[in-house]
Amino acid sequence: KDHIELAESLNLIDYKRGAKLSGSGNWLYKGWGAKLEWALLNFFIDEHIKDGYEFILPPHMLGYECGYVAGQFPKFKDEVYWIKNNTSSDEKFMLPTAETALTNIHRDEIIDKDELPKKYIAYTPCYRREAGSYRAEERGMIRGHQFNKVEMFQYTKGEDAQKAFNELVKKAEDLVKKLELHYRLSKLAAGDCSYSMAKTYDIEVYIPSMGIYKEVSSASYASDYQARRGNIKYRGEDKKLHFAHTLNASGLATSRLLPAIVEQHQNKDGSVNVPHVLQKYMGIEVIK
């Protein structure tokens, strides 16, 4: 069975009522589906905290400068949801990823060199317009306007950036491995990277019914691009001010994980085995 049939037969996801509430590209989690989603998020957060990352819950509504510093504006200004206040000139946008907020935590600040690297994680829903028509294979949860994600972010010195990048990639890979999922690691060609990123690796899980891999984490190194936009500096051993280097990676995004889990862990009778690392959060071994 494919993930849509499994999700509906096991009463995990309600696509029709999700669309009724907010249009196409939306769904609602229910029953064991909601518990599975929450188990994934709690597992990710626990793993990151164990590795020494500071847990952040940022605002979901951000000002324009946050998008500019992250390198998403002005190019992608029309791909986010904007909120206008009718009683003032105040205008905010809904964050498309927690990276947008985490990049701006130390905007216009000088970080103590002894505090580097700074390692953060944040949980937020991500809100994206996703303009354009959906391909047939992108039905269900593969592509949507709102999805949950835990984001990893680091501020480092330039000489420590490669070590930080390797750490983020390994952490994302380890999470997928612990979920017992078949996946692959892809290094993006320069032309496929965001113009604000010097390097990007994607971690992609296999969706058997589609016969293709779908990204669940994108690990990127921005060099000092975001720090220059945000005036984020540290004072080095030479007593001079230097721009920090920033890196981010999903750890992980869930909307494609749930389809991968139910398809890769399904049994002949239509039930689904819960990955071992999630069983303590859900209190069951099989969804049926």
Protein backbone atom coordinates (compact mmCIF):
# COMPACT_ATOMS: atom_id res chain seq x y z
CA LYS A 1 0.00 0.00 0.00
CA ASP A 2 1.11 3.58 -0.53
CA HIS A 3 1.34 6.10 2.31
CA ILE A 4 -2.02 7.70 1.55
CA GLU A 5 -3.90 4.40 1.65
CA LEU A 6 -2.05 3.35 4.80
CA ALA A 7 -2.63 6.70 6.54
CA GLU A 8 -6.35 6.57 5.78
CA SER A 9 -6.87 2.89 6.59
CA LEU A 10 -5.06 3.28 9.94
CA ASN A 11 -6.88 6.57 10.65
CA LEU A 12 -3.61 8.52 10.95
CA ILE A 13 -4.27 11.46 8.61
CA ASP A 14 -7.48 13.14 7.46
CA TYR A 15 -6.74 14.73 4.08
CA LYS A 16 -10.32 15.68 3.20
CA ARG A 17 -11.03 17.56 6.42
CA GLY A 18 -7.60 19.19 6.30
CA ALA A 19 -8.46 20.53 2.85
CA LYS A 20 -11.91 21.55 4.09
CA LEU A 21 -10.32 23.62 6.86
CA SER A 22 -7.58 25.31 4.83
CA GLY A 23 -7.63 24.24 1.18
CA SER A 24 -5.42 21.86 -0.81
CA GLY A 25 -1.94 21.14 0.47
CA ASN A 26 -3.15 20.84 4.07
CA TRP A 27 -3.97 17.84 6.25
CA LEU A 28 -4.75 17.07 9.86
CA TYR A 29 -3.08 14.49 12.06
CA LYS A 30 -5.36 12.34 14.21
CA GLY A 31 -5.12 9.50 16.69
CA TRP A 32 -1.93 7.48 16.31
CA GLY A 33 -0.92 9.73 13.41
CA ALA A 34 -0.78 12.73 15.74
CA LYS A 35 1.07 10.66 18.33
CA LEU A 36 3.58 9.45 15.71
CA GLU A 37 4.20 13.04 14.58
CA TRP A 38 4.69 14.19 18.17
CA ALA A 39 6.95 11.21 18.90
CA LEU A 40 9.20 12.17 15.97
CA LEU A 41 9.53 15.75 17.17
CA ASN A 42 10.23 14.74 20.77
CA PHE A 43 12.81 12.18 19.67
CA PHE A 44 14.64 14.75 17.54
CA ILE A 45 14.64 17.38 20.29
CA ASP A 46 15.89 14.90 22.90
CA GLU A 47 18.73 13.76 20.61
CA HIS A 48 19.87 17.33 19.90
CA ILE A 49 19.73 18.42 23.54
CA LYS A 50 21.78 15.36 24.43
CA ASP A 51 24.39 16.57 21.92
CA GLY A 52 24.66 19.96 23.61
CA TYR A 53 22.34 22.10 21.46
CA GLU A 54 20.29 24.86 23.10
CA PHE A 55 16.53 24.50 22.52
CA ILE A 56 14.78 27.62 21.15
CA LEU A 57 11.08 28.29 20.52
CA PRO A 58 11.15 31.43 18.34
CA PRO A 59 8.32 33.72 17.17
CA HIS A 60 6.51 32.43 14.09
CA MET A 61 5.83 35.96 12.79
CA LEU A 62 8.97 37.81 11.73
CA GLY A 63 9.92 41.21 10.35
CA TYR A 64 11.29 41.77 6.84
CA GLU A 65 14.90 42.16 8.01
CA CYS A 66 14.92 38.55 9.27
CA GLY A 67 14.20 37.30 5.74
CA TYR A 68 16.84 39.65 4.31
CA VAL A 69 19.60 38.56 6.71
CA ALA A 70 18.82 34.87 6.08
CA GLY A 71 19.24 35.50 2.34
CA GLN A 72 15.65 34.61 1.49
CA PHE A 73 14.57 38.18 0.65
CA PRO A 74 14.07 39.94 -1.65
CA LYS A 75 14.17 37.02 -4.12
CA PHE A 76 11.68 34.77 -2.30
CA LYS A 77 9.53 37.52 -0.76
CA ASP A 78 6.46 36.29 -2.63
CA GLU A 79 6.84 32.68 -1.48
CA VAL A 80 5.93 33.35 2.16
CA TYR A 81 2.65 34.28 3.85
CA TRP A 82 2.42 37.95 4.85
CA ILE A 83 0.28 39.32 7.67
CA LYS A 84 -0.80 42.95 7.47
CA ASN A 85 -2.25 44.89 10.38
CA ASN A 86 -5.20 47.02 9.26
CA THR A 87 -4.76 49.45 12.16
CA SER A 88 -1.03 50.16 11.65
CA SER A 89 1.79 49.90 9.14
CA ASP A 90 3.10 46.82 10.92
CA GLU A 91 3.74 43.90 8.56
CA LYS A 92 5.06 40.46 9.41
CA PHE A 93 5.61 37.21 7.54
CA MET A 94 5.15 33.63 8.71
CA LEU A 95 8.53 31.92 8.89
CA PRO A 96 9.19 29.39 6.10
CA THR A 97 11.80 27.67 8.29
CA ALA A 98 13.19 28.21 11.79
CA GLU A 99 16.53 29.01 10.14
CA THR A 100 15.11 32.45 9.33
CA ALA A 101 14.69 33.19 13.04
CA LEU A 102 17.86 31.46 14.27
CA THR A 103 20.02 33.37 11.78
CA ASN A 104 18.87 36.63 13.37
CA ILE A 105 19.29 35.82 17.06
CA HIS A 106 22.69 37.55 17.14
CA ARG A 107 22.00 40.18 14.50
CA ASP A 108 23.98 43.38 15.21
CA GLU A 109 25.88 41.67 18.01
CA ILE A 110 29.50 40.85 18.80
CA ILE A 111 29.73 37.28 20.09
CA ASP A 112 32.37 36.33 22.65
CA LYS A 113 34.87 34.11 20.81
CA ASP A 114 34.88 31.72 23.76
CA GLU A 115 31.16 31.10 23.20
CA LEU A 116 31.75 29.79 19.67
CA PRO A 117 30.51 27.55 18.28
CA LYS A 118 27.00 28.46 19.33
CA LYS A 119 24.66 25.53 18.69
CA TYR A 120 20.89 25.96 18.56
CA ILE A 121 17.87 23.86 17.68
CA ALA A 122 14.35 25.13 17.19
CA TYR A 123 10.99 23.48 16.63
CA THR A 124 8.43 25.33 14.51
CA PRO A 125 5.81 24.65 11.92
CA CYS A 126 7.01 25.97 8.53
CA TYR A 127 4.64 28.03 6.41
CA ARG A 128 5.16 28.15 2.63
CA ARG A 129 2.97 29.30 -0.23
CA GLU A 130 4.41 26.63 -2.57
CA ALA A 131 3.07 28.44 -5.62
CA GLY A 132 2.38 26.39 -8.74
CA SER A 133 0.51 23.20 -9.51
CA TYR A 134 1.16 19.98 -7.65
CA ARG A 135 2.41 16.97 -9.56
CA ALA A 136 0.39 13.80 -9.21
CA GLU A 137 3.11 12.06 -7.16
CA GLU A 138 3.14 14.97 -4.69
CA ARG A 139 -0.32 14.26 -3.33
CA GLY A 140 -0.81 13.53 0.35
CA MET A 141 1.91 14.89 2.64
CA ILE A 142 4.81 15.06 0.18
CA ARG A 143 4.29 18.76 -0.47
CA GLY A 144 2.23 21.15 1.64
CA HIS A 145 1.74 24.66 2.93
CA GLN A 146 2.44 23.85 6.58
CA PHE A 147 4.71 21.18 8.01
CA ASN A 148 6.68 20.56 11.19
CA LYS A 149 10.45 20.73 11.38
CA VAL A 150 13.25 20.75 13.92
CA GLU A 151 16.09 22.95 12.70
CA MET A 152 19.77 22.83 13.71
CA PHE A 153 21.88 25.97 13.50
CA GLN A 154 25.48 26.89 14.32
CA TYR A 155 27.50 30.09 14.55
CA THR A 156 31.21 29.32 14.18
CA LYS A 157 34.61 30.75 13.36
CA GLY A 158 35.61 30.35 9.71
CA GLU A 159 38.33 27.83 10.50
CA ASP A 160 35.83 25.62 12.35
CA ALA A 161 33.09 25.70 9.71
CA GLN A 162 33.96 22.43 7.92
CA LYS A 163 33.96 20.53 11.22
CA ALA A 164 30.56 22.05 12.05
CA PHE A 165 29.19 21.14 8.61
CA ASN A 166 30.33 17.53 8.97
CA GLU A 167 28.68 17.39 12.39
CA LEU A 168 25.33 18.63 11.08
CA VAL A 169 25.33 16.18 8.16
CA LYS A 170 26.21 13.28 10.45
CA LYS A 171 23.52 14.23 12.96
CA ALA A 172 20.85 14.35 10.26
CA GLU A 173 22.01 11.01 8.84
CA ASP A 174 22.06 9.41 12.29
CA LEU A 175 18.44 10.39 12.93
CA VAL A 176 17.32 8.76 9.68
CA LYS A 177 19.37 5.65 10.48
CA LYS A 178 17.81 5.40 13.95
CA LEU A 179 14.39 5.51 12.32
CA GLU A 180 15.51 2.43 10.32
CA LEU A 181 14.83 4.12 6.98
CA HIS A 182 16.50 3.61 3.61
CA TYR A 183 18.02 6.91 2.48
CA ARG A 184 20.75 8.54 0.43
CA LEU A 185 23.07 11.54 0.79
CA SER A 186 23.28 13.94 -2.17
CA LYS A 187 25.79 16.74 -2.70
CA LEU A 188 24.10 19.56 -4.60
CA ALA A 189 25.75 21.02 -7.68
CA ALA A 190 26.68 24.69 -7.28
CA GLY A 191 23.86 25.77 -9.58
CA ASP A 192 21.30 23.95 -7.41
CA CYS A 193 22.40 25.62 -4.17
CA SER A 194 20.67 28.70 -2.84
CA TYR A 195 22.65 31.79 -3.80
CA SER A 196 23.23 32.47 -0.09
CA MET A 197 24.88 29.06 0.47
CA ALA A 198 28.42 27.97 -0.35
CA LYS A 199 27.64 24.27 0.02
CA THR A 200 24.56 22.07 0.52
CA TYR A 201 24.04 18.35 1.12
CA ASP A 202 20.56 16.80 1.06
CA ILE A 203 19.51 13.74 3.07
CA GLU A 204 16.69 12.01 1.21
CA VAL A 205 14.47 9.11 2.26
CA TYR A 206 13.10 6.53 -0.14
CA ILE A 207 9.34 6.47 -0.78
CA PRO A 208 8.70 2.96 -2.24
CA SER A 209 5.31 3.73 -3.84
CA MET A 210 6.85 6.66 -5.72
CA GLY A 211 10.12 4.91 -6.56
CA ILE A 212 12.06 8.09 -5.72
CA TYR A 213 13.89 9.77 -2.85
CA LYS A 214 12.53 12.86 -1.10
CA GLU A 215 14.49 15.37 0.97
CA VAL A 216 13.98 15.35 4.76
CA SER A 217 17.06 17.40 5.61
CA SER A 218 19.14 19.99 3.81
CA ALA A 219 22.48 20.84 5.44
CA SER A 220 23.98 24.12 4.24
CA TYR A 221 27.04 26.27 4.88
CA ALA A 222 26.54 30.00 4.29
CA SER A 223 30.16 31.02 4.96
CA ASP A 224 29.98 34.64 6.23
CA TYR A 225 27.17 35.66 3.82
CA GLN A 226 24.39 35.80 6.41
CA ALA A 227 26.68 37.31 9.06
CA ARG A 228 27.62 40.16 6.70
CA ARG A 229 23.96 40.87 6.03
CA GLY A 230 23.17 40.72 9.74
CA ASN A 231 26.35 42.37 11.06
CA ILE A 232 27.15 39.35 13.24
CA LYS A 233 30.77 39.40 14.44
CA TYR A 234 33.16 37.99 17.00
CA ARG A 235 36.49 39.29 18.30
CA GLY A 236 39.29 36.92 17.38
CA GLU A 237 42.57 36.04 19.05
CA ASP A 238 44.09 38.93 17.08
CA LYS A 239 41.71 41.30 18.91
CA LYS A 240 40.14 42.22 15.56
CA LEU A 241 36.48 41.83 14.66
CA HIS A 242 35.60 39.03 12.24
CA PHE A 243 32.29 38.01 10.70
CA ALA A 244 30.92 34.75 12.10
CA HIS A 245 30.17 31.82 9.79
CA THR A 246 26.71 30.23 9.86
CA LEU A 247 25.43 26.74 9.09
CA ASN A 248 22.04 25.06 9.26
CA ALA A 249 20.41 21.68 8.73
CA SER A 250 16.97 20.19 9.20
CA GLY A 251 16.97 17.80 12.08
CA LEU A 252 14.48 16.69 10.67
CA ALA A 253 11.40 17.77 8.69
CA THR A 254 8.53 15.36 9.34
CA SER A 255 6.03 15.62 6.46
CA ARG A 256 7.98 13.19 4.26
CA LEU A 257 9.19 11.05 7.14
CA LEU A 258 5.72 9.83 8.05
CA PRO A 259 5.05 8.56 4.49
CA ALA A 260 8.48 6.88 4.47
CA ILE A 261 7.89 5.27 7.87
CA VAL A 262 4.45 3.84 7.07
CA GLU A 263 5.58 2.52 3.67
CA GLN A 264 8.98 1.13 4.69
CA HIS A 265 7.70 -0.35 7.98
CA GLN A 266 4.36 -1.73 6.76
CA ASN A 267 3.36 -5.37 7.26
CA LYS A 268 1.37 -7.65 4.97
CA ASP A 269 -1.76 -7.24 7.12
CA GLY A 270 -1.73 -3.44 6.64
CA SER A 271 -0.28 -2.65 10.07
CA VAL A 272 2.88 -0.57 10.57
CA ASN A 273 5.80 -1.31 12.88
CA VAL A 274 6.80 1.65 15.03
CA PRO A 275 10.58 2.33 14.78
CA HIS A 276 12.27 1.16 17.98
CA VAL A 277 13.47 4.65 18.98
CA LEU A 278 9.87 5.95 18.90
CA GLN A 279 8.24 3.16 20.88
CA LYS A 280 8.97 4.72 24.27
CA TYR A 281 7.21 7.92 23.14
CA MET A 282 4.17 6.12 21.73
CA GLY A 283 3.83 3.21 24.14
CA ILE A 284 3.13 0.72 21.34
CA GLU A 285 5.19 -1.40 18.93
CA VAL A 286 2.69 -1.71 16.06
CA ILE A 287 0.03 0.62 14.65
CA LYS A 288 -2.98 -1.40 13.52
